[in-house]
Amino acid sequence: MGAAIDFNHDIRPILSNNCLACHGPDEKERKAKLRLDTRDGSAADTDGIRAVVAGNIDASELIYRITTDDADEKMPPADSHRHLTPKQIELLKQWVKEGGKYE
């Protein structure tokens, strides 16, 4: 990937379409106490785990969850009937490497 990631163009649609139903602003629907719609939410320490660790894909739970082969850990979960394409996964990895910035 040559060009820098643009959050609003590249990342927000992925999160909106695949993650925010369970990890968004609706406190009643939120799973695992995780908010991915805000920088503070994605960087929050929840029991020693952070979804996004700026610049570090190995420490970012988000990257682990979208790339694992463990069906119990995989996000989005199979019962959501959503999945990420390889391109979307690469965009999310690049976004985290570039600092996981929100706009």
PDB file of N, CA and C in Angstrom:
ATOM      1  N   MET A   1       0.837  -1.188   0.000  1.00  0.00           N
ATOM      2  CA  MET A   1       0.000   0.000   0.000  1.00  0.00           C
ATOM      3  C   MET A   1       0.875   1.241   0.000  1.00  0.00           C
ATOM      4  N   GLY A   2       0.718   2.048  -1.002  1.00  0.00           N
ATOM      5  CA  GLY A   2       1.529   3.232  -1.105  1.00  0.00           C
ATOM      6  C   GLY A   2       0.940   4.426  -0.400  1.00  0.00           C
ATOM      7  N   ALA A   3      -0.323   4.712  -0.638  1.00  0.00           N
ATOM      8  CA  ALA A   3      -0.962   5.902  -0.081  1.00  0.00           C
ATOM      9  C   ALA A   3      -1.329   5.684   1.378  1.00  0.00           C
ATOM     10  N   ALA A   4      -1.280   6.779   2.136  1.00  0.00           N
ATOM     11  CA  ALA A   4      -1.681   6.728   3.539  1.00  0.00           C
ATOM     12  C   ALA A   4      -3.167   6.410   3.633  1.00  0.00           C
ATOM     13  N   ILE A   5      -3.524   5.742   4.690  1.00  0.00           N
ATOM     14  CA  ILE A   5      -4.912   5.383   4.929  1.00  0.00           C
ATOM     15  C   ILE A   5      -5.712   6.633   5.285  1.00  0.00           C
ATOM     16  N   ASP A   6      -6.872   6.749   4.696  1.00  0.00           N
ATOM     17  CA  ASP A   6      -7.810   7.829   5.009  1.00  0.00           C
ATOM     18  C   ASP A   6      -8.937   7.209   5.829  1.00  0.00           C
ATOM     19  N   PHE A   7      -9.037   7.596   7.100  1.00  0.00           N
ATOM     20  CA  PHE A   7     -10.007   6.970   7.991  1.00  0.00           C
ATOM     21  C   PHE A   7     -11.427   7.022   7.431  1.00  0.00           C
ATOM     22  N   ASN A   8     -11.878   8.203   7.059  1.00  0.00           N
ATOM     23  CA  ASN A   8     -13.268   8.332   6.610  1.00  0.00           C
ATOM     24  C   ASN A   8     -13.554   7.553   5.329  1.00  0.00           C
ATOM     25  N   HIS A   9     -12.585   7.476   4.447  1.00  0.00           N
ATOM     26  CA  HIS A   9     -12.775   6.788   3.170  1.00  0.00           C
ATOM     27  C   HIS A   9     -12.523   5.293   3.278  1.00  0.00           C
ATOM     28  N   ASP A  10     -11.438   4.904   3.967  1.00  0.00           N
ATOM     29  CA  ASP A  10     -10.998   3.512   3.978  1.00  0.00           C
ATOM     30  C   ASP A  10     -11.484   2.699   5.173  1.00  0.00           C
ATOM     31  N   ILE A  11     -11.499   3.292   6.349  1.00  0.00           N
ATOM     32  CA  ILE A  11     -11.717   2.525   7.578  1.00  0.00           C
ATOM     33  C   ILE A  11     -13.134   2.645   8.128  1.00  0.00           C
ATOM     34  N   ARG A  12     -13.658   3.851   8.190  1.00  0.00           N
ATOM     35  CA  ARG A  12     -14.995   4.038   8.765  1.00  0.00           C
ATOM     36  C   ARG A  12     -16.034   3.119   8.109  1.00  0.00           C
ATOM     37  N   PRO A  13     -16.056   2.977   6.775  1.00  0.00           N
ATOM     38  CA  PRO A  13     -17.052   2.077   6.174  1.00  0.00           C
ATOM     39  C   PRO A  13     -16.886   0.613   6.608  1.00  0.00           C
ATOM     40  N   ILE A  14     -15.652   0.168   6.776  1.00  0.00           N
ATOM     41  CA  ILE A  14     -15.426  -1.211   7.226  1.00  0.00           C
ATOM     42  C   ILE A  14     -15.988  -1.389   8.634  1.00  0.00           C
ATOM     43  N   LEU A  15     -15.640  -0.469   9.525  1.00  0.00           N
ATOM     44  CA  LEU A  15     -16.131  -0.558  10.894  1.00  0.00           C
ATOM     45  C   LEU A  15     -17.653  -0.437  10.936  1.00  0.00           C
ATOM     46  N   SER A  16     -18.196   0.511  10.192  1.00  0.00           N
ATOM     47  CA  SER A  16     -19.652   0.726  10.197  1.00  0.00           C
ATOM     48  C   SER A  16     -20.414  -0.498   9.716  1.00  0.00           C
ATOM     49  N   ASN A  17     -19.929  -1.124   8.667  1.00  0.00           N
ATOM     50  CA  ASN A  17     -20.646  -2.245   8.071  1.00  0.00           C
ATOM     51  C   ASN A  17     -20.429  -3.580   8.779  1.00  0.00           C
ATOM     52  N   ASN A  18     -19.344  -3.686   9.552  1.00  0.00           N
ATOM     53  CA  ASN A  18     -18.995  -4.992  10.105  1.00  0.00           C
ATOM     54  C   ASN A  18     -18.835  -5.049  11.618  1.00  0.00           C
ATOM     55  N   CYS A  19     -18.640  -3.922  12.266  1.00  0.00           N
ATOM     56  CA  CYS A  19     -18.258  -3.955  13.675  1.00  0.00           C
ATOM     57  C   CYS A  19     -19.177  -3.167  14.611  1.00  0.00           C
ATOM     58  N   LEU A  20     -19.703  -2.052  14.140  1.00  0.00           N
ATOM     59  CA  LEU A  20     -20.346  -1.115  15.050  1.00  0.00           C
ATOM     60  C   LEU A  20     -21.717  -1.535  15.559  1.00  0.00           C
ATOM     61  N   ALA A  21     -22.353  -2.512  14.943  1.00  0.00           N
ATOM     62  CA  ALA A  21     -23.623  -3.002  15.484  1.00  0.00           C
ATOM     63  C   ALA A  21     -23.401  -3.556  16.894  1.00  0.00           C
ATOM     64  N   CYS A  22     -22.244  -4.168  17.120  1.00  0.00           N
ATOM     65  CA  CYS A  22     -21.922  -4.748  18.428  1.00  0.00           C
ATOM     66  C   CYS A  22     -20.898  -3.944  19.219  1.00  0.00           C
ATOM     67  N   HIS A  23     -20.132  -3.114  18.538  1.00  0.00           N
ATOM     68  CA  HIS A  23     -19.044  -2.380  19.202  1.00  0.00           C
ATOM     69  C   HIS A  23     -19.114  -0.896  18.870  1.00  0.00           C
ATOM     70  N   GLY A  24     -20.319  -0.360  18.908  1.00  0.00           N
ATOM     71  CA  GLY A  24     -20.528   1.038  18.563  1.00  0.00           C
ATOM     72  C   GLY A  24     -21.130   1.839  19.694  1.00  0.00           C
ATOM     73  N   PRO A  25     -21.823   2.917  19.345  1.00  0.00           N
ATOM     74  CA  PRO A  25     -22.304   3.862  20.339  1.00  0.00           C
ATOM     75  C   PRO A  25     -23.494   3.382  21.172  1.00  0.00           C
ATOM     76  N   ASP A  26     -24.219   2.371  20.711  1.00  0.00           N
ATOM     77  CA  ASP A  26     -25.411   1.908  21.433  1.00  0.00           C
ATOM     78  C   ASP A  26     -25.003   1.046  22.626  1.00  0.00           C
ATOM     79  N   GLU A  27     -25.057   1.649  23.803  1.00  0.00           N
ATOM     80  CA  GLU A  27     -24.601   0.974  25.019  1.00  0.00           C
ATOM     81  C   GLU A  27     -25.372  -0.319  25.289  1.00  0.00           C
ATOM     82  N   LYS A  28     -26.643  -0.363  24.914  1.00  0.00           N
ATOM     83  CA  LYS A  28     -27.467  -1.559  25.161  1.00  0.00           C
ATOM     84  C   LYS A  28     -27.073  -2.725  24.265  1.00  0.00           C
ATOM     85  N   GLU A  29     -26.555  -2.432  23.092  1.00  0.00           N
ATOM     86  CA  GLU A  29     -26.167  -3.480  22.144  1.00  0.00           C
ATOM     87  C   GLU A  29     -24.678  -3.825  22.208  1.00  0.00           C
ATOM     88  N   ARG A  30     -23.900  -3.012  22.897  1.00  0.00           N
ATOM     89  CA  ARG A  30     -22.446  -3.161  22.902  1.00  0.00           C
ATOM     90  C   ARG A  30     -22.009  -4.461  23.567  1.00  0.00           C
ATOM     91  N   LYS A  31     -21.095  -5.141  22.903  1.00  0.00           N
ATOM     92  CA  LYS A  31     -20.536  -6.398  23.401  1.00  0.00           C
ATOM     93  C   LYS A  31     -19.114  -6.159  23.905  1.00  0.00           C
ATOM     94  N   ALA A  32     -18.737  -6.922  24.920  1.00  0.00           N
ATOM     95  CA  ALA A  32     -17.373  -6.942  25.464  1.00  0.00           C
ATOM     96  C   ALA A  32     -16.886  -5.562  25.925  1.00  0.00           C
ATOM     97  N   LYS A  33     -17.806  -4.672  26.250  1.00  0.00           N
ATOM     98  CA  LYS A  33     -17.435  -3.324  26.711  1.00  0.00           C
ATOM     99  C   LYS A  33     -16.507  -2.620  25.729  1.00  0.00           C
ATOM    100  N   LEU A  34     -16.635  -2.939  24.443  1.00  0.00           N
ATOM    101  CA  LEU A  34     -15.727  -2.398  23.436  1.00  0.00           C
ATOM    102  C   LEU A  34     -16.439  -1.451  22.486  1.00  0.00           C
ATOM    103  N   ARG A  35     -15.884  -0.257  22.367  1.00  0.00           N
ATOM    104  CA  ARG A  35     -16.365   0.724  21.387  1.00  0.00           C
ATOM    105  C   ARG A  35     -15.300   0.913  20.337  1.00  0.00           C
ATOM    106  N   LEU A  36     -15.670   0.683  19.090  1.00  0.00           N
ATOM    107  CA  LEU A  36     -14.738   0.909  17.983  1.00  0.00           C
ATOM    108  C   LEU A  36     -15.081   2.169  17.194  1.00  0.00           C
ATOM    109  N   ASP A  37     -16.097   2.894  17.620  1.00  0.00           N
ATOM    110  CA  ASP A  37     -16.489   4.103  16.902  1.00  0.00           C
ATOM    111  C   ASP A  37     -15.733   5.336  17.371  1.00  0.00           C
ATOM    112  N   THR A  38     -14.931   5.207  18.421  1.00  0.00           N
ATOM    113  CA  THR A  38     -14.144   6.339  18.912  1.00  0.00           C
ATOM    114  C   THR A  38     -12.706   5.903  19.181  1.00  0.00           C
ATOM    115  N   ARG A  39     -11.792   6.826  19.070  1.00  0.00           N
ATOM    116  CA  ARG A  39     -10.388   6.544  19.369  1.00  0.00           C
ATOM    117  C   ARG A  39     -10.221   6.110  20.816  1.00  0.00           C
ATOM    118  N   ASP A  40     -10.869   6.833  21.748  1.00  0.00           N
ATOM    119  CA  ASP A  40     -10.756   6.478  23.159  1.00  0.00           C
ATOM    120  C   ASP A  40     -11.269   5.070  23.418  1.00  0.00           C
ATOM    121  N   GLY A  41     -12.371   4.723  22.768  1.00  0.00           N
ATOM    122  CA  GLY A  41     -12.933   3.386  22.943  1.00  0.00           C
ATOM    123  C   GLY A  41     -12.027   2.301  22.407  1.00  0.00           C
ATOM    124  N   SER A  42     -11.462   2.508  21.242  1.00  0.00           N
ATOM    125  CA  SER A  42     -10.623   1.483  20.630  1.00  0.00           C
ATOM    126  C   SER A  42      -9.288   1.321  21.346  1.00  0.00           C
ATOM    127  N   ALA A  43      -8.834   2.379  22.023  1.00  0.00           N
ATOM    128  CA  ALA A  43      -7.553   2.327  22.729  1.00  0.00           C
ATOM    129  C   ALA A  43      -7.709   2.004  24.210  1.00  0.00           C
ATOM    130  N   ALA A  44      -8.942   1.910  24.681  1.00  0.00           N
ATOM    131  CA  ALA A  44      -9.185   1.666  26.103  1.00  0.00           C
ATOM    132  C   ALA A  44      -8.626   0.318  26.535  1.00  0.00           C
ATOM    133  N   ASP A  45      -8.105   0.286  27.744  1.00  0.00           N
ATOM    134  CA  ASP A  45      -7.592  -0.945  28.337  1.00  0.00           C
ATOM    135  C   ASP A  45      -8.766  -1.661  28.997  1.00  0.00           C
ATOM    136  N   THR A  46      -9.112  -2.823  28.460  1.00  0.00           N
ATOM    137  CA  THR A  46     -10.181  -3.638  29.016  1.00  0.00           C
ATOM    138  C   THR A  46      -9.554  -4.948  29.478  1.00  0.00           C
ATOM    139  N   ASP A  47      -9.372  -5.062  30.767  1.00  0.00           N
ATOM    140  CA  ASP A  47      -8.758  -6.264  31.345  1.00  0.00           C
ATOM    141  C   ASP A  47      -7.402  -6.570  30.714  1.00  0.00           C
ATOM    142  N   GLY A  48      -6.606  -5.514  30.470  1.00  0.00           N
ATOM    143  CA  GLY A  48      -5.263  -5.687  29.933  1.00  0.00           C
ATOM    144  C   GLY A  48      -5.194  -5.843  28.420  1.00  0.00           C
ATOM    145  N   ILE A  49      -6.323  -5.693  27.756  1.00  0.00           N
ATOM    146  CA  ILE A  49      -6.373  -5.848  26.300  1.00  0.00           C
ATOM    147  C   ILE A  49      -6.825  -4.543  25.673  1.00  0.00           C
ATOM    148  N   ARG A  50      -6.160  -4.157  24.594  1.00  0.00           N
ATOM    149  CA  ARG A  50      -6.554  -2.968  23.827  1.00  0.00           C
ATOM    150  C   ARG A  50      -6.871  -3.396  22.410  1.00  0.00           C
ATOM    151  N   ALA A  51      -7.991  -2.926  21.888  1.00  0.00           N
ATOM    152  CA  ALA A  51      -8.373  -3.282  20.516  1.00  0.00           C
ATOM    153  C   ALA A  51      -7.367  -2.729  19.524  1.00  0.00           C
ATOM    154  N   VAL A  52      -6.988  -1.470  19.717  1.00  0.00           N
ATOM    155  CA  VAL A  52      -6.032  -0.830  18.810  1.00  0.00           C
ATOM    156  C   VAL A  52      -4.882  -0.257  19.619  1.00  0.00           C
ATOM    157  N   VAL A  53      -3.691  -0.766  19.338  1.00  0.00           N
ATOM    158  CA  VAL A  53      -2.465  -0.215  19.912  1.00  0.00           C
ATOM    159  C   VAL A  53      -1.764   0.469  18.746  1.00  0.00           C
ATOM    160  N   ALA A  54      -1.812   1.787  18.748  1.00  0.00           N
ATOM    161  CA  ALA A  54      -1.290   2.576  17.633  1.00  0.00           C
ATOM    162  C   ALA A  54       0.111   2.137  17.240  1.00  0.00           C
ATOM    163  N   GLY A  55       0.264   1.798  15.962  1.00  0.00           N
ATOM    164  CA  GLY A  55       1.561   1.429  15.424  1.00  0.00           C
ATOM    165  C   GLY A  55       1.965  -0.012  15.664  1.00  0.00           C
ATOM    166  N   ASN A  56       1.150  -0.801  16.352  1.00  0.00           N
ATOM    167  CA  ASN A  56       1.556  -2.155  16.730  1.00  0.00           C
ATOM    168  C   ASN A  56       0.457  -3.168  16.427  1.00  0.00           C
ATOM    169  N   ILE A  57       0.539  -3.802  15.264  1.00  0.00           N
ATOM    170  CA  ILE A  57      -0.506  -4.768  14.906  1.00  0.00           C
ATOM    171  C   ILE A  57      -0.427  -6.029  15.766  1.00  0.00           C
ATOM    172  N   ASP A  58       0.761  -6.371  16.260  1.00  0.00           N
ATOM    173  CA  ASP A  58       0.894  -7.578  17.078  1.00  0.00           C
ATOM    174  C   ASP A  58       0.241  -7.427  18.443  1.00  0.00           C
ATOM    175  N   ALA A  59       0.164  -6.218  18.964  1.00  0.00           N
ATOM    176  CA  ALA A  59      -0.442  -5.975  20.273  1.00  0.00           C
ATOM    177  C   ALA A  59      -1.908  -5.559  20.171  1.00  0.00           C
ATOM    178  N   SER A  60      -2.417  -5.398  18.961  1.00  0.00           N
ATOM    179  CA  SER A  60      -3.792  -4.926  18.749  1.00  0.00           C
ATOM    180  C   SER A  60      -4.753  -6.105  18.646  1.00  0.00           C
ATOM    181  N   GLU A  61      -5.651  -6.190  19.619  1.00  0.00           N
ATOM    182  CA  GLU A  61      -6.626  -7.279  19.643  1.00  0.00           C
ATOM    183  C   GLU A  61      -7.508  -7.278  18.401  1.00  0.00           C
ATOM    184  N   LEU A  62      -7.808  -6.104  17.865  1.00  0.00           N
ATOM    185  CA  LEU A  62      -8.605  -6.013  16.644  1.00  0.00           C
ATOM    186  C   LEU A  62      -7.969  -6.836  15.532  1.00  0.00           C
ATOM    187  N   ILE A  63      -6.676  -6.695  15.346  1.00  0.00           N
ATOM    188  CA  ILE A  63      -5.991  -7.413  14.269  1.00  0.00           C
ATOM    189  C   ILE A  63      -5.992  -8.912  14.548  1.00  0.00           C
ATOM    190  N   TYR A  64      -5.733  -9.280  15.793  1.00  0.00           N
ATOM    191  CA  TYR A  64      -5.796 -10.704  16.138  1.00  0.00           C
ATOM    192  C   TYR A  64      -7.174 -11.272  15.810  1.00  0.00           C
ATOM    193  N   ARG A  65      -8.223 -10.580  16.227  1.00  0.00           N
ATOM    194  CA  ARG A  65      -9.590 -11.089  16.065  1.00  0.00           C
ATOM    195  C   ARG A  65     -10.018 -11.199  14.601  1.00  0.00           C
ATOM    196  N   ILE A  66      -9.546 -10.307  13.762  1.00  0.00           N
ATOM    197  CA  ILE A  66      -9.972 -10.380  12.355  1.00  0.00           C
ATOM    198  C   ILE A  66      -9.117 -11.335  11.533  1.00  0.00           C
ATOM    199  N   THR A  67      -7.998 -11.808  12.113  1.00  0.00           N
ATOM    200  CA  THR A  67      -7.110 -12.697  11.359  1.00  0.00           C
ATOM    201  C   THR A  67      -7.035 -14.113  11.922  1.00  0.00           C
ATOM    202  N   THR A  68      -7.546 -14.349  13.112  1.00  0.00           N
ATOM    203  CA  THR A  68      -7.437 -15.671  13.721  1.00  0.00           C
ATOM    204  C   THR A  68      -8.261 -16.711  12.960  1.00  0.00           C
ATOM    205  N   ASP A  69      -7.807 -17.957  13.046  1.00  0.00           N
ATOM    206  CA  ASP A  69      -8.561 -19.077  12.485  1.00  0.00           C
ATOM    207  C   ASP A  69      -9.442 -19.742  13.538  1.00  0.00           C
ATOM    208  N   ASP A  70      -9.337 -19.286  14.787  1.00  0.00           N
ATOM    209  CA  ASP A  70     -10.131 -19.826  15.883  1.00  0.00           C
ATOM    210  C   ASP A  70     -11.559 -19.287  15.772  1.00  0.00           C
ATOM    211  N   ALA A  71     -12.491 -20.172  15.458  1.00  0.00           N
ATOM    212  CA  ALA A  71     -13.884 -19.761  15.230  1.00  0.00           C
ATOM    213  C   ALA A  71     -14.505 -19.079  16.451  1.00  0.00           C
ATOM    214  N   ASP A  72     -14.062 -19.433  17.654  1.00  0.00           N
ATOM    215  CA  ASP A  72     -14.605 -18.828  18.867  1.00  0.00           C
ATOM    216  C   ASP A  72     -14.088 -17.413  19.094  1.00  0.00           C
ATOM    217  N   GLU A  73     -12.970 -17.074  18.464  1.00  0.00           N
ATOM    218  CA  GLU A  73     -12.344 -15.770  18.641  1.00  0.00           C
ATOM    219  C   GLU A  73     -12.548 -14.841  17.438  1.00  0.00           C
ATOM    220  N   LYS A  74     -12.851 -15.390  16.295  1.00  0.00           N
ATOM    221  CA  LYS A  74     -12.926 -14.665  15.018  1.00  0.00           C
ATOM    222  C   LYS A  74     -13.996 -13.574  15.043  1.00  0.00           C
ATOM    223  N   MET A  75     -13.639 -12.418  14.491  1.00  0.00           N
ATOM    224  CA  MET A  75     -14.571 -11.302  14.310  1.00  0.00           C
ATOM    225  C   MET A  75     -14.557 -10.899  12.847  1.00  0.00           C
ATOM    226  N   PRO A  76     -15.680 -10.508  12.308  1.00  0.00           N
ATOM    227  CA  PRO A  76     -16.991 -10.635  12.919  1.00  0.00           C
ATOM    228  C   PRO A  76     -17.360 -12.113  13.074  1.00  0.00           C
ATOM    229  N   PRO A  77     -18.188 -12.418  14.095  1.00  0.00           N
ATOM    230  CA  PRO A  77     -18.538 -13.813  14.343  1.00  0.00           C
ATOM    231  C   PRO A  77     -19.376 -14.383  13.196  1.00  0.00           C
ATOM    232  N   ALA A  78     -19.287 -15.682  13.015  1.00  0.00           N
ATOM    233  CA  ALA A  78     -19.989 -16.349  11.917  1.00  0.00           C
ATOM    234  C   ALA A  78     -21.494 -16.088  11.951  1.00  0.00           C
ATOM    235  N   ASP A  79     -22.076 -16.037  13.138  1.00  0.00           N
ATOM    236  CA  ASP A  79     -23.530 -15.851  13.214  1.00  0.00           C
ATOM    237  C   ASP A  79     -23.981 -14.442  12.839  1.00  0.00           C
ATOM    238  N   SER A  80     -23.022 -13.538  12.633  1.00  0.00           N
ATOM    239  CA  SER A  80     -23.378 -12.182  12.183  1.00  0.00           C
ATOM    240  C   SER A  80     -23.612 -12.153  10.672  1.00  0.00           C
ATOM    241  N   HIS A  81     -23.152 -13.220   9.990  1.00  0.00           N
ATOM    242  CA  HIS A  81     -23.243 -13.316   8.531  1.00  0.00           C
ATOM    243  C   HIS A  81     -22.503 -12.177   7.828  1.00  0.00           C
ATOM    244  N   ARG A  82     -21.480 -11.669   8.484  1.00  0.00           N
ATOM    245  CA  ARG A  82     -20.610 -10.640   7.907  1.00  0.00           C
ATOM    246  C   ARG A  82     -19.204 -11.202   7.866  1.00  0.00           C
ATOM    247  N   HIS A  83     -18.431 -10.724   6.929  1.00  0.00           N
ATOM    248  CA  HIS A  83     -17.028 -11.132   6.876  1.00  0.00           C
ATOM    249  C   HIS A  83     -16.217 -10.028   6.227  1.00  0.00           C
ATOM    250  N   LEU A  84     -14.950 -10.033   6.553  1.00  0.00           N
ATOM    251  CA  LEU A  84     -14.042  -9.048   5.972  1.00  0.00           C
ATOM    252  C   LEU A  84     -13.304  -9.674   4.804  1.00  0.00           C
ATOM    253  N   THR A  85     -13.113  -8.884   3.776  1.00  0.00           N
ATOM    254  CA  THR A  85     -12.340  -9.345   2.634  1.00  0.00           C
ATOM    255  C   THR A  85     -10.851  -9.235   2.969  1.00  0.00           C
ATOM    256  N   PRO A  86     -10.004  -9.947   2.248  1.00  0.00           N
ATOM    257  CA  PRO A  86      -8.557  -9.783   2.469  1.00  0.00           C
ATOM    258  C   PRO A  86      -8.114  -8.321   2.329  1.00  0.00           C
ATOM    259  N   LYS A  87      -8.699  -7.597   1.386  1.00  0.00           N
ATOM    260  CA  LYS A  87      -8.339  -6.184   1.215  1.00  0.00           C
ATOM    261  C   LYS A  87      -8.727  -5.369   2.448  1.00  0.00           C
ATOM    262  N   GLN A  88      -9.906  -5.621   3.004  1.00  0.00           N
ATOM    263  CA  GLN A  88     -10.329  -4.899   4.201  1.00  0.00           C
ATOM    264  C   GLN A  88      -9.406  -5.201   5.378  1.00  0.00           C
ATOM    265  N   ILE A  89      -8.999  -6.447   5.514  1.00  0.00           N
ATOM    266  CA  ILE A  89      -8.077  -6.820   6.586  1.00  0.00           C
ATOM    267  C   ILE A  89      -6.753  -6.091   6.418  1.00  0.00           C
ATOM    268  N   GLU A  90      -6.246  -6.034   5.198  1.00  0.00           N
ATOM    269  CA  GLU A  90      -4.988  -5.322   4.949  1.00  0.00           C
ATOM    270  C   GLU A  90      -5.129  -3.828   5.239  1.00  0.00           C
ATOM    271  N   LEU A  91      -6.273  -3.245   4.890  1.00  0.00           N
ATOM    272  CA  LEU A  91      -6.507  -1.825   5.195  1.00  0.00           C
ATOM    273  C   LEU A  91      -6.492  -1.585   6.704  1.00  0.00           C
ATOM    274  N   LEU A  92      -7.155  -2.459   7.465  1.00  0.00           N
ATOM    275  CA  LEU A  92      -7.175  -2.303   8.911  1.00  0.00           C
ATOM    276  C   LEU A  92      -5.772  -2.467   9.506  1.00  0.00           C
ATOM    277  N   LYS A  93      -5.013  -3.408   9.006  1.00  0.00           N
ATOM    278  CA  LYS A  93      -3.628  -3.575   9.474  1.00  0.00           C
ATOM    279  C   LYS A  93      -2.811  -2.317   9.193  1.00  0.00           C
ATOM    280  N   GLN A  94      -2.921  -1.802   7.978  1.00  0.00           N
ATOM    281  CA  GLN A  94      -2.168  -0.612   7.611  1.00  0.00           C
ATOM    282  C   GLN A  94      -2.590   0.582   8.460  1.00  0.00           C
ATOM    283  N   TRP A  95      -3.882   0.692   8.729  1.00  0.00           N
ATOM    284  CA  TRP A  95      -4.401   1.778   9.562  1.00  0.00           C
ATOM    285  C   TRP A  95      -3.778   1.723  10.958  1.00  0.00           C
ATOM    286  N   VAL A  96      -3.740   0.544  11.545  1.00  0.00           N
ATOM    287  CA  VAL A  96      -3.130   0.405  12.870  1.00  0.00           C
ATOM    288  C   VAL A  96      -1.639   0.724  12.800  1.00  0.00           C
ATOM    289  N   LYS A  97      -0.948   0.207  11.781  1.00  0.00           N
ATOM    290  CA  LYS A  97       0.488   0.501  11.634  1.00  0.00           C
ATOM    291  C   LYS A  97       0.744   2.002  11.549  1.00  0.00           C
ATOM    292  N   GLU A  98      -0.180   2.715  10.881  1.00  0.00           N
ATOM    293  CA  GLU A  98      -0.036   4.161  10.703  1.00  0.00           C
ATOM    294  C   GLU A  98      -0.512   4.955  11.920  1.00  0.00           C
ATOM    295  N   GLY A  99      -0.913   4.279  12.967  1.00  0.00           N
ATOM    296  CA  GLY A  99      -1.279   4.980  14.199  1.00  0.00           C
ATOM    297  C   GLY A  99      -2.734   4.868  14.596  1.00  0.00           C
ATOM    298  N   GLY A 100      -3.569   4.211  13.801  1.00  0.00           N
ATOM    299  CA  GLY A 100      -4.973   4.024  14.160  1.00  0.00           C
ATOM    300  C   GLY A 100      -5.721   5.319  14.391  1.00  0.00           C
ATOM    301  N   LYS A 101      -5.439   6.310  13.551  1.00  0.00           N
ATOM    302  CA  LYS A 101      -6.046   7.633  13.745  1.00  0.00           C
ATOM    303  C   LYS A 101      -7.501   7.660  13.289  1.00  0.00           C
ATOM    304  N   TYR A 102      -8.305   8.373  14.058  1.00  0.00           N
ATOM    305  CA  TYR A 102      -9.719   8.594  13.728  1.00  0.00           C
ATOM    306  C   TYR A 102      -9.878  10.003  13.197  1.00  0.00           C
ATOM    307  N   GLU A 103     -10.903  10.231  12.390  1.00  0.00           N
ATOM    308  CA  GLU A 103     -11.223  11.571  11.874  1.00  0.00           C
ATOM    309  C   GLU A 103     -12.660  11.874  12.225  1.00  0.00           C
TER     310      GLU A 103
END
